């Protein structure tokens, strides 16, 4: 029996297209769907470091990743309160 379906999320159109199938499979098997999204908080260019501190850049990247993930969850899985899952 399948209990978990690991679903990597990169916000691409192919992930949006496959989401309904993942949701259906999870429903069929009574499985949970943990999502994986990698957010590189250290990725920035030299100009960004010149303009503001690295901690501010990391916070902005984290905030953007959470906003995108929330949008993806709401769009793909029609959650009532996606913010509750973070």
N, C-alpha and C. Protein backbone atom coordinates (compact mmCIF):
# COMPACT_ATOMS: atom_id res chain seq x y z
N UNK A 1 0.85 -1.19 0.00
CA UNK A 1 0.00 0.00 0.00
C UNK A 1 0.89 1.25 0.00
N UNK A 2 0.51 2.19 -0.77
CA UNK A 2 1.23 3.47 -0.84
C UNK A 2 0.70 4.40 0.24
N UNK A 3 1.58 4.87 1.11
CA UNK A 3 1.16 5.77 2.19
C UNK A 3 1.59 7.20 1.97
N UNK A 4 2.67 7.41 1.20
CA UNK A 4 3.17 8.75 0.92
C UNK A 4 3.57 8.86 -0.54
N UNK A 5 3.25 10.00 -1.13
CA UNK A 5 3.69 10.31 -2.50
C UNK A 5 4.49 11.61 -2.41
N UNK A 6 5.79 11.49 -2.54
CA UNK A 6 6.66 12.67 -2.48
C UNK A 6 6.52 13.44 -3.79
N UNK A 7 6.18 14.71 -3.68
CA UNK A 7 5.91 15.53 -4.86
C UNK A 7 6.86 16.73 -4.89
N UNK A 8 7.91 16.68 -5.73
CA UNK A 8 8.80 17.83 -5.84
C UNK A 8 8.12 18.96 -6.60
N UNK A 9 8.26 20.16 -6.09
CA UNK A 9 7.57 21.32 -6.66
C UNK A 9 8.60 22.36 -7.10
N UNK A 10 8.52 22.75 -8.36
CA UNK A 10 9.38 23.82 -8.86
C UNK A 10 8.56 24.92 -9.55
N UNK A 11 7.26 24.85 -9.40
CA UNK A 11 6.31 25.84 -9.93
C UNK A 11 6.29 25.90 -11.45
N UNK A 12 6.75 24.86 -12.11
CA UNK A 12 6.74 24.83 -13.57
C UNK A 12 5.37 24.38 -14.08
N UNK A 13 5.14 24.58 -15.35
CA UNK A 13 3.86 24.18 -15.94
C UNK A 13 3.69 22.67 -15.91
N UNK A 14 4.79 21.92 -15.99
CA UNK A 14 4.67 20.46 -15.94
C UNK A 14 4.23 19.99 -14.55
N UNK A 15 4.67 20.69 -13.50
CA UNK A 15 4.22 20.34 -12.14
C UNK A 15 2.75 20.67 -11.96
N UNK A 16 2.32 21.78 -12.52
CA UNK A 16 0.90 22.14 -12.45
C UNK A 16 0.06 21.11 -13.19
N UNK A 17 0.59 20.61 -14.30
CA UNK A 17 -0.16 19.64 -15.10
C UNK A 17 -0.28 18.29 -14.41
N UNK A 18 0.74 17.88 -13.67
CA UNK A 18 0.72 16.56 -13.04
C UNK A 18 0.01 16.58 -11.68
N UNK A 19 -0.17 17.74 -11.09
CA UNK A 19 -0.77 17.84 -9.75
C UNK A 19 -2.12 17.13 -9.62
N UNK A 20 -3.05 17.25 -10.58
CA UNK A 20 -4.32 16.54 -10.44
C UNK A 20 -4.16 15.02 -10.38
N UNK A 21 -3.16 14.50 -11.07
CA UNK A 21 -2.91 13.06 -11.05
C UNK A 21 -2.34 12.62 -9.70
N UNK A 22 -1.47 13.46 -9.14
CA UNK A 22 -0.92 13.18 -7.82
C UNK A 22 -2.05 13.21 -6.78
N UNK A 23 -2.90 14.21 -6.89
CA UNK A 23 -4.03 14.33 -5.97
C UNK A 23 -4.95 13.11 -6.08
N UNK A 24 -5.23 12.68 -7.29
CA UNK A 24 -6.10 11.51 -7.49
C UNK A 24 -5.47 10.25 -6.93
N UNK A 25 -4.19 10.06 -7.19
CA UNK A 25 -3.49 8.88 -6.67
C UNK A 25 -3.50 8.89 -5.14
N UNK A 26 -3.30 10.05 -4.55
CA UNK A 26 -3.32 10.15 -3.09
C UNK A 26 -4.70 9.81 -2.54
N UNK A 27 -5.73 10.25 -3.22
CA UNK A 27 -7.10 9.93 -2.81
C UNK A 27 -7.38 8.44 -2.94
N UNK A 28 -6.94 7.85 -4.03
CA UNK A 28 -7.17 6.42 -4.27
C UNK A 28 -6.50 5.55 -3.21
N UNK A 29 -5.29 5.93 -2.81
CA UNK A 29 -4.53 5.13 -1.86
C UNK A 29 -4.66 5.61 -0.42
N UNK A 30 -5.34 6.72 -0.22
CA UNK A 30 -5.41 7.29 1.12
C UNK A 30 -4.04 7.76 1.59
N UNK A 31 -3.24 8.24 0.65
CA UNK A 31 -1.86 8.63 0.94
C UNK A 31 -1.76 10.12 1.23
N UNK A 32 -0.72 10.48 1.97
CA UNK A 32 -0.42 11.89 2.16
C UNK A 32 0.57 12.31 1.09
N UNK A 33 0.61 13.60 0.82
CA UNK A 33 1.48 14.12 -0.23
C UNK A 33 2.40 15.19 0.36
N UNK A 34 3.59 14.77 0.83
CA UNK A 34 4.56 15.79 1.25
C UNK A 34 5.15 16.47 0.01
N UNK A 35 5.23 17.79 0.07
CA UNK A 35 5.82 18.55 -1.03
C UNK A 35 7.26 18.89 -0.70
N UNK A 36 8.10 18.91 -1.72
CA UNK A 36 9.49 19.30 -1.55
C UNK A 36 9.78 20.45 -2.50
N UNK A 37 10.26 21.54 -1.93
CA UNK A 37 10.71 22.67 -2.75
C UNK A 37 12.01 23.16 -2.15
N UNK A 38 13.03 23.28 -2.96
CA UNK A 38 14.33 23.75 -2.49
C UNK A 38 14.40 25.25 -2.69
N UNK A 39 14.68 25.93 -1.61
CA UNK A 39 14.83 27.38 -1.66
C UNK A 39 16.26 27.70 -1.23
N UNK A 40 17.07 28.15 -2.14
CA UNK A 40 18.46 28.48 -1.85
C UNK A 40 18.53 29.90 -1.31
N UNK A 41 18.56 30.01 0.01
CA UNK A 41 18.56 31.34 0.64
C UNK A 41 19.87 32.08 0.41
N UNK A 42 20.91 31.36 0.01
CA UNK A 42 22.20 32.00 -0.21
C UNK A 42 22.44 32.42 -1.65
N UNK A 43 21.47 32.17 -2.52
CA UNK A 43 21.69 32.55 -3.92
C UNK A 43 21.38 34.02 -4.13
N UNK A 44 22.34 34.73 -4.60
CA UNK A 44 22.18 36.15 -4.88
C UNK A 44 23.35 36.57 -5.76
N UNK A 45 23.22 37.72 -6.32
CA UNK A 45 24.34 38.21 -7.13
C UNK A 45 25.11 39.26 -6.33
N UNK A 46 26.23 39.62 -6.82
CA UNK A 46 27.10 40.57 -6.12
C UNK A 46 26.44 41.92 -5.90
N UNK A 47 25.64 42.36 -6.85
CA UNK A 47 24.98 43.66 -6.70
C UNK A 47 24.02 43.65 -5.51
N UNK A 48 23.29 42.56 -5.35
CA UNK A 48 22.36 42.48 -4.22
C UNK A 48 23.11 42.63 -2.90
N UNK A 49 24.26 41.98 -2.78
CA UNK A 49 25.05 42.08 -1.54
C UNK A 49 25.56 43.50 -1.32
N UNK A 50 25.83 44.19 -2.39
CA UNK A 50 26.28 45.58 -2.28
C UNK A 50 25.13 46.47 -1.81
N UNK A 51 23.92 46.17 -2.25
CA UNK A 51 22.77 47.03 -1.98
C UNK A 51 22.13 46.78 -0.62
N UNK A 52 22.22 45.54 -0.10
CA UNK A 52 21.56 45.24 1.18
C UNK A 52 22.17 44.01 1.83
N UNK A 53 21.93 43.83 3.11
CA UNK A 53 22.53 42.71 3.84
C UNK A 53 22.02 41.35 3.36
N UNK A 54 22.86 40.33 3.47
CA UNK A 54 22.51 38.97 3.05
C UNK A 54 21.29 38.44 3.79
N UNK A 55 21.12 38.81 5.06
CA UNK A 55 19.96 38.33 5.81
C UNK A 55 18.65 38.86 5.22
N UNK A 56 18.67 40.09 4.74
CA UNK A 56 17.46 40.64 4.09
C UNK A 56 17.16 39.91 2.78
N UNK A 57 18.21 39.57 2.04
CA UNK A 57 18.04 38.84 0.78
C UNK A 57 17.46 37.46 1.07
N UNK A 58 18.00 36.78 2.08
CA UNK A 58 17.52 35.45 2.45
C UNK A 58 16.06 35.50 2.88
N UNK A 59 15.69 36.51 3.67
CA UNK A 59 14.28 36.66 4.09
C UNK A 59 13.36 36.87 2.89
N UNK A 60 13.82 37.66 1.94
CA UNK A 60 13.02 37.90 0.74
C UNK A 60 12.85 36.62 -0.08
N UNK A 61 13.92 35.85 -0.22
CA UNK A 61 13.84 34.58 -0.96
C UNK A 61 12.90 33.61 -0.26
N UNK A 62 12.97 33.54 1.06
CA UNK A 62 12.10 32.67 1.85
C UNK A 62 10.64 33.10 1.68
N UNK A 63 10.39 34.38 1.77
CA UNK A 63 9.03 34.90 1.63
C UNK A 63 8.46 34.60 0.24
N UNK A 64 9.28 34.78 -0.77
CA UNK A 64 8.85 34.51 -2.14
C UNK A 64 8.55 33.02 -2.33
N UNK A 65 9.40 32.16 -1.78
CA UNK A 65 9.18 30.71 -1.88
C UNK A 65 7.88 30.31 -1.19
N UNK A 66 7.61 30.85 0.00
CA UNK A 66 6.37 30.54 0.71
C UNK A 66 5.15 31.03 -0.06
N UNK A 67 5.25 32.22 -0.63
CA UNK A 67 4.13 32.76 -1.41
C UNK A 67 3.86 31.89 -2.63
N UNK A 68 4.91 31.47 -3.33
CA UNK A 68 4.74 30.61 -4.51
C UNK A 68 4.18 29.26 -4.13
N UNK A 69 4.67 28.69 -3.03
CA UNK A 69 4.19 27.39 -2.58
C UNK A 69 2.72 27.47 -2.16
N UNK A 70 2.36 28.51 -1.47
CA UNK A 70 0.97 28.72 -1.07
C UNK A 70 0.06 28.83 -2.29
N UNK A 71 0.49 29.60 -3.28
CA UNK A 71 -0.28 29.74 -4.51
C UNK A 71 -0.42 28.39 -5.21
N UNK A 72 0.68 27.64 -5.29
CA UNK A 72 0.67 26.32 -5.93
C UNK A 72 -0.29 25.38 -5.22
N UNK A 73 -0.22 25.34 -3.90
CA UNK A 73 -1.11 24.47 -3.12
C UNK A 73 -2.57 24.83 -3.34
N UNK A 74 -2.86 26.10 -3.28
CA UNK A 74 -4.24 26.56 -3.45
C UNK A 74 -4.75 26.26 -4.85
N UNK A 75 -3.91 26.45 -5.84
CA UNK A 75 -4.30 26.22 -7.23
C UNK A 75 -4.42 24.73 -7.54
N UNK A 76 -3.47 23.94 -7.07
CA UNK A 76 -3.42 22.52 -7.43
C UNK A 76 -4.24 21.61 -6.53
N UNK A 77 -4.34 21.98 -5.27
CA UNK A 77 -5.02 21.10 -4.32
C UNK A 77 -6.23 21.75 -3.67
N UNK A 78 -6.52 22.98 -4.06
CA UNK A 78 -7.71 23.70 -3.59
C UNK A 78 -7.85 23.67 -2.07
N UNK A 79 -6.79 24.05 -1.40
CA UNK A 79 -6.82 24.09 0.05
C UNK A 79 -7.52 25.35 0.54
N UNK A 80 -8.22 25.22 1.63
CA UNK A 80 -8.92 26.36 2.19
C UNK A 80 -7.95 27.33 2.88
N UNK A 81 -6.94 26.77 3.54
CA UNK A 81 -6.00 27.60 4.28
C UNK A 81 -4.58 27.09 4.08
N UNK A 82 -3.98 27.35 2.91
CA UNK A 82 -2.65 26.79 2.63
C UNK A 82 -1.57 27.30 3.57
N UNK A 83 -1.73 28.48 4.13
CA UNK A 83 -0.73 29.02 5.05
C UNK A 83 -0.57 28.18 6.31
N UNK A 84 -1.58 27.39 6.64
CA UNK A 84 -1.52 26.57 7.85
C UNK A 84 -0.55 25.42 7.72
N UNK A 85 -0.07 25.12 6.54
CA UNK A 85 0.77 23.97 6.32
C UNK A 85 2.26 24.30 6.40
N UNK A 86 2.62 25.55 6.65
CA UNK A 86 4.04 25.94 6.67
C UNK A 86 4.51 26.12 8.08
